[in-house]
Amino acid sequence: MTNKYYFLGHETLANRGCEALIRGISSIIRERQSDAEFLAPTFNEESDLKQLPRSNKLGVRFVPTYRMPFYGRVWGRLNKAIPGLRRVWIPLPSIPKNILKSLQDTTAGIMTGGDNLSLDYGVLSLLKFMGQAESYMSDIHPLYLWAASVGPFGSQPDIEQYMIRHLAKYTGISVRETSTRDYLDKLGLRNVKLVADPAFVMIPEPWNTLTVLPSELGEGLLGFNVSPLIKSFRNNDSHVLEMETAVIDFLQNVIKRTDLSIVLIPHVDSIDGGAWNSDYLYMQRLIKRISLPSGAFAARISLAPRDMNAVRIKYLISQCRFFIGARTHATIAAWSSRVPTISIAYSVKATGLNTDLFGDLRYVLETQNLSRTTLWESLERLRADEQSIKTLLEQRIPEWQKRARSAVDHMMAVC
């Protein structure tokens, strides 16, 4: 019988990090089970097939997903107005019966990790993915959490207790940071394996990057990625403007004070092409405010297109001398390409991964500390440590790729 796996916690490839997880996990499993098949939920199959045009070679087939039901959205609004509501009722929206029926012949479910099981995107988002997992497991299917960042939930003790009971039901759990493993151990959860993110094994796809790069490359490229999510770390419009001005001033300083050129690299787009959560549209708006002579602008800075898939983005990042990025999987693409990188951290993911990889946070810039000065200091740190960083990555990335592959052994041992 063919092994068939269902990806939970997945809805779209608009986030190239989600695409990297699908590509990485499917390729790792297929190294052991060459005929394995994977069902990937999607809101827009046509769009996702453009991102993954040879999905059949990975054994990936797209299947319909579903949106948060109306009662869940109502609960989300009521929960903000009535904090005590959670003590009475917490909804766990399940997989619709028609979809669940189509999954009866699946071997196991794979919660694709990332940071779905955290509070980074709010309680309602967390509950949706918990509901998926609970309904899939209730149909007597094993469920494996693959290379996740989990929690922390200490700021909301009722949710933390809920999550302890929920995670105890998983057949197996693997995590991608020591901090997550230690946190789950503190919560009393066992059989948790430390692995590495599957995106570390994703192979980049070469293409003619000269079509999107500045015309003058000088001393090399600084790849730069910034996300509209960082706006949430400023409490009003004037503070958001201050932060955005800092980014613009920094990019201008790089052009004026160094011989580096800059390529802005989007890594997440919105499902409907709108501005919400679109790195491309956000950075496009920012660079329109850059004040440089038109000739210098075209020669030294460019914005990469929004339609690149994860393997093409990784190849573009691999052409950079340095990288500064907010999106976690953009930084993973850089590290695994041996590119010295600064993480603009907006969650525990960046701090956990950097601590494990480098032993400290010297290459992390916390979003709340982002300014023209701290950005410049971060670039100077990369320039000073360039060779030592590349040497360290050359030593450690093969180890991390081996760790990424070890998740399949753990899954097959417990599922």
Protein backbone atom coordinates (compact mmCIF):
# COMPACT_ATOMS: atom_id res chain seq x y z
CA MET A 1 0.00 0.00 0.00
CA THR A 2 1.27 3.46 -0.89
CA ASN A 3 2.12 5.66 2.06
CA LYS A 4 -0.07 8.73 1.91
CA TYR A 5 0.39 11.72 4.22
CA TYR A 6 -1.90 14.67 4.86
CA PHE A 7 -0.39 18.05 5.66
CA LEU A 8 -2.24 19.83 8.45
CA GLY A 9 -1.63 23.48 9.34
CA HIS A 10 -1.20 24.28 5.65
CA GLU A 11 -3.44 26.48 3.47
CA THR A 12 -1.43 28.24 0.78
CA LEU A 13 1.98 28.63 -0.85
CA ALA A 14 1.67 32.43 -0.78
CA ASN A 15 4.07 32.18 2.16
CA ARG A 16 7.23 30.75 0.61
CA GLY A 17 8.15 29.42 4.03
CA CYS A 18 5.14 27.09 3.86
CA GLU A 19 6.29 26.06 0.38
CA ALA A 20 9.78 25.36 1.74
CA LEU A 21 8.30 23.13 4.45
CA ILE A 22 6.24 21.15 1.92
CA ARG A 23 9.23 20.76 -0.39
CA GLY A 24 11.61 19.85 2.43
CA ILE A 25 9.38 17.33 4.21
CA SER A 26 8.24 15.58 1.04
CA SER A 27 11.78 15.23 -0.30
CA ILE A 28 13.07 13.91 3.05
CA ILE A 29 10.31 11.28 3.27
CA ARG A 30 10.75 10.29 -0.39
CA GLU A 31 14.41 9.55 0.29
CA ARG A 32 13.06 6.69 2.43
CA GLN A 33 9.73 5.98 0.72
CA SER A 34 10.12 6.73 -2.99
CA ASP A 35 6.42 6.20 -3.71
CA ALA A 36 5.09 8.36 -0.85
CA GLU A 37 2.20 10.68 -1.67
CA PHE A 38 1.29 13.95 0.04
CA LEU A 39 -2.03 15.79 0.22
CA ALA A 40 -1.53 19.56 0.57
CA PRO A 41 -4.61 21.67 1.39
CA THR A 42 -5.01 24.85 -0.64
CA PHE A 43 -7.34 27.81 -1.02
CA ASN A 44 -6.22 28.31 -4.63
CA GLU A 45 -4.90 25.27 -6.49
CA GLU A 46 -4.19 27.21 -9.68
CA SER A 47 -2.01 29.72 -7.86
CA ASP A 48 -0.18 27.07 -5.82
CA LEU A 49 0.55 24.97 -8.91
CA LYS A 50 2.39 27.99 -10.33
CA GLN A 51 4.59 27.95 -7.23
CA LEU A 52 5.07 24.19 -7.37
CA PRO A 53 4.80 23.40 -11.10
CA ARG A 54 6.36 19.92 -10.82
CA SER A 55 4.41 18.93 -7.73
CA ASN A 56 3.88 15.40 -9.08
CA LYS A 57 7.66 14.78 -8.93
CA LEU A 58 7.48 15.45 -5.20
CA GLY A 59 4.38 13.29 -4.88
CA VAL A 60 2.36 16.35 -3.84
CA ARG A 61 -1.32 16.67 -4.76
CA PHE A 62 -3.35 19.72 -3.81
CA VAL A 63 -6.72 19.20 -2.12
CA PRO A 64 -9.37 21.70 -0.98
CA THR A 65 -9.14 23.36 2.41
CA TYR A 66 -11.71 25.39 4.34
CA ARG A 67 -11.99 28.68 6.16
CA MET A 68 -12.69 29.37 9.80
CA PRO A 69 -16.43 28.77 10.33
CA PHE A 70 -18.69 31.69 11.20
CA TYR A 71 -19.08 30.68 14.85
CA GLY A 72 -15.31 30.72 15.26
CA ARG A 73 -15.05 34.27 13.93
CA VAL A 74 -17.88 35.35 16.23
CA TRP A 75 -16.07 33.76 19.18
CA GLY A 76 -12.93 35.64 18.25
CA ARG A 77 -14.73 38.98 18.47
CA LEU A 78 -16.53 38.04 21.69
CA ASN A 79 -13.31 36.82 23.30
CA LYS A 80 -11.80 40.28 22.92
CA ALA A 81 -14.82 41.89 24.56
CA ILE A 82 -15.46 39.19 27.20
CA PRO A 83 -12.11 37.76 28.42
CA GLY A 84 -13.86 35.28 30.73
CA LEU A 85 -15.56 33.61 27.77
CA ARG A 86 -12.64 31.18 27.40
CA ARG A 87 -13.43 29.66 30.78
CA VAL A 88 -16.87 28.71 29.47
CA TRP A 89 -16.26 27.81 25.83
CA ILE A 90 -13.25 27.41 23.56
CA PRO A 91 -14.18 26.42 19.99
CA LEU A 92 -12.08 23.87 18.13
CA PRO A 93 -13.35 24.03 14.52
CA SER A 94 -12.98 20.56 13.03
CA ILE A 95 -12.17 19.44 9.52
CA PRO A 96 -15.48 19.31 7.57
CA LYS A 97 -16.93 15.80 7.35
CA ASN A 98 -16.66 15.56 3.57
CA ILE A 99 -12.94 16.38 3.70
CA LEU A 100 -12.34 14.10 6.68
CA LYS A 101 -14.01 11.23 4.82
CA SER A 102 -11.58 11.69 1.91
CA LEU A 103 -8.66 11.27 4.33
CA GLN A 104 -9.61 7.83 5.64
CA ASP A 105 -6.89 6.07 3.62
CA THR A 106 -4.06 8.36 4.75
CA THR A 107 -1.15 6.75 6.58
CA ALA A 108 -0.58 9.66 8.95
CA GLY A 109 -1.01 13.37 9.29
CA ILE A 110 1.90 15.78 9.42
CA MET A 111 1.42 19.10 11.17
CA THR A 112 3.86 21.08 9.08
CA GLY A 113 5.47 22.83 11.99
CA GLY A 114 6.54 26.39 11.50
CA ASP A 115 4.90 28.42 14.23
CA ASN A 116 1.22 27.50 13.85
CA LEU A 117 1.13 26.24 17.43
CA SER A 118 2.03 29.55 18.99
CA LEU A 119 0.36 32.82 19.91
CA ASP A 120 2.18 34.76 17.18
CA TYR A 121 -0.98 35.02 15.09
CA GLY A 122 -3.53 35.18 17.89
CA VAL A 123 -5.61 32.69 19.84
CA LEU A 124 -8.16 32.16 17.06
CA SER A 125 -5.50 31.03 14.57
CA LEU A 126 -4.09 28.64 17.17
CA LEU A 127 -7.53 27.17 17.85
CA LYS A 128 -8.16 26.59 14.16
CA PHE A 129 -5.07 24.43 13.79
CA MET A 130 -5.76 22.67 17.08
CA GLY A 131 -9.25 21.87 15.79
CA GLN A 132 -7.80 20.40 12.60
CA ALA A 133 -5.48 18.20 14.61
CA GLU A 134 -8.12 17.06 17.11
CA SER A 135 -10.60 16.05 14.39
CA TYR A 136 -7.95 14.24 12.34
CA MET A 137 -6.74 12.28 15.37
CA SER A 138 -10.32 11.49 16.42
CA ASP A 139 -10.65 9.55 13.16
CA ILE A 140 -7.99 7.13 14.53
CA HIS A 141 -5.11 8.58 12.55
CA PRO A 142 -1.59 9.11 13.90
CA LEU A 143 -0.43 12.72 13.79
CA TYR A 144 3.19 13.88 13.79
CA LEU A 145 4.34 17.42 14.56
CA TRP A 146 7.31 18.07 12.26
CA ALA A 147 10.08 20.52 13.19
CA ALA A 148 7.89 23.03 14.97
CA SER A 149 8.33 26.10 17.10
CA VAL A 150 5.77 25.70 19.90
CA GLY A 151 4.55 28.41 22.24
CA PRO A 152 5.42 29.81 24.62
CA PHE A 153 1.97 30.14 26.16
CA GLY A 154 2.95 31.30 29.65
CA SER A 155 1.31 34.70 29.14
CA GLN A 156 -2.05 32.91 28.90
CA PRO A 157 -2.04 30.09 31.47
CA ASP A 158 -5.46 28.73 30.47
CA ILE A 159 -4.27 28.27 26.89
CA GLU A 160 -1.04 26.70 28.13
CA GLN A 161 -2.97 24.02 30.07
CA TYR A 162 -5.14 23.44 27.03
CA MET A 163 -2.04 22.98 24.86
CA ILE A 164 -0.45 20.49 27.27
CA ARG A 165 -3.48 18.23 26.94
CA HIS A 166 -3.59 18.77 23.18
CA LEU A 167 0.08 18.05 22.47
CA ALA A 168 0.00 14.91 24.62
CA LYS A 169 -2.32 13.36 21.99
CA TYR A 170 0.22 13.62 19.15
CA THR A 171 1.87 10.36 18.13
CA GLY A 172 5.21 12.15 17.96
CA ILE A 173 6.66 15.63 18.21
CA SER A 174 9.82 17.07 16.70
CA VAL A 175 10.96 20.65 17.24
CA ARG A 176 13.50 22.90 15.56
CA GLU A 177 14.99 24.81 18.52
CA THR A 178 16.48 23.76 21.82
CA SER A 179 14.36 26.43 23.51
CA THR A 180 11.15 24.77 22.28
CA ARG A 181 12.35 21.33 23.40
CA ASP A 182 13.21 22.68 26.86
CA TYR A 183 9.86 24.46 27.10
CA LEU A 184 7.91 21.30 26.22
CA ASP A 185 10.02 19.29 28.65
CA LYS A 186 9.14 21.79 31.37
CA LEU A 187 5.46 21.26 30.52
CA GLY A 188 5.93 17.53 31.10
CA LEU A 189 5.72 16.42 27.46
CA ARG A 190 7.91 13.49 26.50
CA ASN A 191 9.10 11.85 23.27
CA VAL A 192 10.08 15.26 21.88
CA LYS A 193 12.95 15.11 19.39
CA LEU A 194 15.17 18.04 18.48
CA VAL A 195 15.65 18.18 14.70
CA ALA A 196 16.20 21.03 12.23
CA ASP A 197 13.87 22.84 9.87
CA PRO A 198 13.30 20.82 6.67
CA ALA A 199 13.93 23.96 4.60
CA PHE A 200 17.65 23.46 5.28
CA VAL A 201 17.64 20.61 2.75
CA MET A 202 15.65 22.44 0.04
CA ILE A 203 17.73 22.64 -3.15
CA PRO A 204 17.74 26.07 -4.88
CA GLU A 205 16.79 26.33 -8.55
CA PRO A 206 19.30 28.29 -10.67
CA TRP A 207 17.94 31.03 -12.93
CA ASN A 208 19.13 34.22 -14.59
CA THR A 209 19.08 36.59 -11.62
CA LEU A 210 20.70 39.39 -13.65
CA THR A 211 17.22 40.24 -14.94
CA VAL A 212 16.18 41.44 -11.47
CA LEU A 213 19.43 42.70 -9.96
CA PRO A 214 20.82 46.25 -9.94
CA SER A 215 22.99 46.99 -12.99
CA GLU A 216 26.08 47.64 -10.83
CA LEU A 217 27.05 45.01 -8.27
CA GLY A 218 30.12 46.76 -6.83
CA GLU A 219 31.43 44.90 -3.77
CA GLY A 220 28.51 42.50 -3.87
CA LEU A 221 24.86 42.32 -2.92
CA LEU A 222 23.08 43.01 0.32
CA GLY A 223 19.84 41.03 0.28
CA PHE A 224 17.17 42.71 2.39
CA ASN A 225 13.74 41.50 3.47
CA VAL A 226 11.30 43.34 5.68
CA SER A 227 7.77 42.31 6.50
CA PRO A 228 4.61 44.34 7.19
CA LEU A 229 4.33 42.24 10.37
CA ILE A 230 6.99 44.42 11.98
CA LYS A 231 4.46 47.28 12.06
CA SER A 232 2.73 45.50 14.94
CA PHE A 233 5.71 46.34 17.14
CA ARG A 234 4.90 50.05 16.99
CA ASN A 235 1.91 51.27 18.97
CA ASN A 236 0.73 54.11 16.74
CA ASP A 237 1.05 55.48 13.22
CA SER A 238 3.79 57.96 14.09
CA HIS A 239 5.96 55.21 15.56
CA VAL A 240 5.36 53.01 12.51
CA LEU A 241 6.43 55.91 10.30
CA GLU A 242 9.53 56.38 12.44
CA MET A 243 10.50 52.73 11.99
CA GLU A 244 9.87 52.79 8.25
CA THR A 245 11.92 55.96 7.93
CA ALA A 246 14.76 54.17 9.74
CA VAL A 247 14.68 51.39 7.13
CA ILE A 248 14.70 53.90 4.27
CA ASP A 249 17.55 55.91 5.81
CA PHE A 250 19.56 52.72 6.31
CA LEU A 251 19.13 51.63 2.68
CA GLN A 252 20.17 55.09 1.51
CA ASN A 253 23.23 54.97 3.78
CA VAL A 254 24.28 51.62 2.32
CA ILE A 255 24.23 53.15 -1.16
CA LYS A 256 26.03 56.34 -0.10
CA ARG A 257 28.61 54.91 2.30
CA THR A 258 29.52 51.52 0.77
CA ASP A 259 30.02 49.92 -2.63
CA LEU A 260 27.40 47.29 -1.89
CA SER A 261 24.27 47.16 -4.02
CA ILE A 262 20.88 46.10 -2.62
CA VAL A 263 18.20 43.68 -3.73
CA LEU A 264 14.95 43.71 -1.77
CA ILE A 265 13.58 40.16 -1.62
CA PRO A 266 9.90 39.47 -0.84
CA HIS A 267 9.21 36.11 0.78
CA VAL A 268 5.49 36.24 1.62
CA ASP A 269 2.58 37.53 -0.42
CA SER A 270 -1.10 37.77 0.39
CA ILE A 271 -3.47 35.08 -0.88
CA ASP A 272 -5.62 37.55 -2.82
CA GLY A 273 -2.76 39.76 -4.05
CA GLY A 274 -3.71 42.62 -1.73
CA ALA A 275 -1.45 44.65 0.51
CA TRP A 276 -2.13 42.69 3.72
CA ASN A 277 0.90 40.58 4.61
CA SER A 278 2.56 41.24 1.24
CA ASP A 279 6.31 41.77 1.57
CA TYR A 280 6.43 42.89 -2.06
CA LEU A 281 3.85 45.66 -1.80
CA TYR A 282 5.21 46.79 1.55
CA MET A 283 8.79 47.09 0.32
CA GLN A 284 7.63 48.64 -2.96
CA ARG A 285 5.96 51.39 -0.94
CA LEU A 286 9.10 51.90 1.14
CA ILE A 287 11.54 52.24 -1.76
CA LYS A 288 9.34 54.84 -3.41
CA ARG A 289 10.41 57.09 -0.54
CA ILE A 290 14.13 56.57 -1.13
CA SER A 291 15.82 59.78 -2.26
CA LEU A 292 18.59 59.01 -4.75
CA PRO A 293 19.40 60.31 -8.24
CA SER A 294 17.46 58.18 -10.74
CA GLY A 295 20.65 56.77 -12.28
CA ALA A 296 22.07 55.77 -8.92
CA PHE A 297 18.77 54.18 -7.92
CA ALA A 298 18.58 51.86 -10.94
CA ALA A 299 22.27 51.03 -10.70
CA ARG A 300 22.38 50.18 -7.01
CA ILE A 301 18.98 48.98 -5.75
CA SER A 302 16.20 46.77 -7.07
CA LEU A 303 13.06 45.02 -5.87
CA ALA A 304 12.78 41.35 -6.84
CA PRO A 305 9.42 40.25 -8.32
CA ARG A 306 6.59 38.90 -6.19
CA ASP A 307 6.03 35.73 -8.24
CA MET A 308 9.25 33.86 -7.40
CA ASN A 309 8.78 30.50 -5.73
CA ALA A 310 10.80 29.29 -2.74
CA VAL A 311 13.56 27.53 -4.70
CA ARG A 312 14.12 30.57 -6.93
CA ILE A 313 14.17 32.90 -3.95
CA LYS A 314 16.74 30.65 -2.27
CA TYR A 315 18.92 30.83 -5.38
CA LEU A 316 18.64 34.62 -5.45
CA ILE A 317 19.58 34.82 -1.76
CA SER A 318 22.55 32.52 -2.42
CA GLN A 319 23.92 35.17 -4.81
CA CYS A 320 24.06 37.75 -1.99
CA ARG A 321 27.18 38.59 -0.02
CA PHE A 322 25.13 39.53 3.07
CA PHE A 323 21.49 39.16 4.03
CA ILE A 324 19.27 40.98 6.53
CA GLY A 325 15.77 39.57 6.81
CA ALA A 326 12.62 39.40 8.90
CA ARG A 327 11.02 36.27 7.47
CA THR A 328 12.35 33.15 9.19
CA HIS A 329 12.53 30.97 6.09
CA ALA A 330 14.32 33.70 4.17
CA THR A 331 17.04 33.61 6.83
CA ILE A 332 17.10 29.80 6.68
CA ALA A 333 17.60 30.07 2.90
CA ALA A 334 20.53 32.41 3.56
CA TRP A 335 22.16 30.31 6.29
CA SER A 336 21.89 27.11 4.27
CA SER A 337 23.51 28.98 1.35
CA ARG A 338 26.38 30.06 3.68
CA VAL A 339 25.42 33.75 3.47
CA PRO A 340 26.22 35.86 6.59
CA THR A 341 22.84 36.92 7.94
CA ILE A 342 21.14 39.22 10.43
CA SER A 343 17.70 38.12 11.65
CA ILE A 344 15.18 40.90 12.27
CA ALA A 345 13.40 39.05 15.05
CA TYR A 346 9.67 39.42 15.67
CA SER A 347 9.14 36.08 17.44
CA VAL A 348 10.96 33.41 19.45
CA LYS A 349 11.79 31.56 16.21
CA ALA A 350 14.66 33.85 15.28
CA THR A 351 16.17 33.93 18.76
CA GLY A 352 15.90 30.16 19.17
CA LEU A 353 17.42 29.34 15.80
CA ASN A 354 20.25 31.86 16.19
CA THR A 355 21.08 30.62 19.69
CA ASP A 356 21.35 27.04 18.45
CA LEU A 357 23.33 27.95 15.34
CA PHE A 358 25.71 30.61 16.71
CA GLY A 359 25.54 30.10 20.48
CA ASP A 360 24.23 33.63 21.15
CA LEU A 361 22.19 36.49 19.67
CA ARG A 362 24.92 38.65 18.17
CA TYR A 363 23.35 38.33 14.73
CA VAL A 364 19.81 39.11 15.88
CA LEU A 365 18.16 42.53 15.72
CA GLU A 366 15.00 42.60 17.82
CA THR A 367 12.23 44.33 15.91
CA GLN A 368 11.42 46.69 18.78
CA ASN A 369 15.06 47.87 18.68
CA LEU A 370 15.11 48.48 14.93
CA SER A 371 16.53 51.89 13.99
CA ARG A 372 18.83 53.39 11.40
CA THR A 373 21.72 53.04 13.86
CA THR A 374 21.05 49.42 14.85
CA LEU A 375 20.60 48.38 11.23
CA TRP A 376 23.93 49.98 10.33
CA GLU A 377 25.66 48.38 13.32
CA SER A 378 24.24 45.00 12.25
CA LEU A 379 25.62 45.36 8.74
CA GLU A 380 29.00 46.41 10.11
CA ARG A 381 29.01 43.31 12.32
CA LEU A 382 28.42 41.13 9.27
CA ARG A 383 31.22 42.87 7.38
CA ALA A 384 33.66 42.43 10.26
CA ASP A 385 32.73 38.78 10.89
CA GLU A 386 32.11 37.75 7.29
CA GLN A 387 34.77 35.07 7.01
CA SER A 388 34.24 33.59 10.46
CA ILE A 389 30.47 33.34 9.84
CA LYS A 390 31.01 31.61 6.50
CA THR A 391 33.46 29.19 8.08
CA LEU A 392 31.04 28.38 10.89
CA LEU A 393 28.14 27.85 8.45
CA GLU A 394 30.32 25.63 6.27
CA GLN A 395 30.93 23.45 9.32
CA ARG A 396 27.45 23.41 10.81
CA ILE A 397 24.98 23.42 7.92
CA PRO A 398 25.78 19.80 6.91
CA GLU A 399 25.13 18.82 10.54
CA TRP A 400 21.82 20.68 10.51
CA GLN A 401 20.81 19.07 7.22
CA LYS A 402 21.48 15.69 8.80
CA ARG A 403 19.34 16.72 11.78
CA ALA A 404 16.57 17.84 9.43
CA ARG A 405 16.54 14.40 7.82
CA SER A 406 16.48 12.65 11.22
CA ALA A 407 12.84 13.66 11.69
CA VAL A 408 11.72 10.95 9.24
CA ASP A 409 13.32 8.23 11.37
CA HIS A 410 11.54 9.54 14.44
CA MET A 411 8.19 9.77 12.63
CA MET A 412 8.43 6.25 11.23
CA ALA A 413 9.39 4.88 14.63
CA VAL A 414 6.30 6.27 16.35
CA CYS A 415 3.60 6.39 13.62
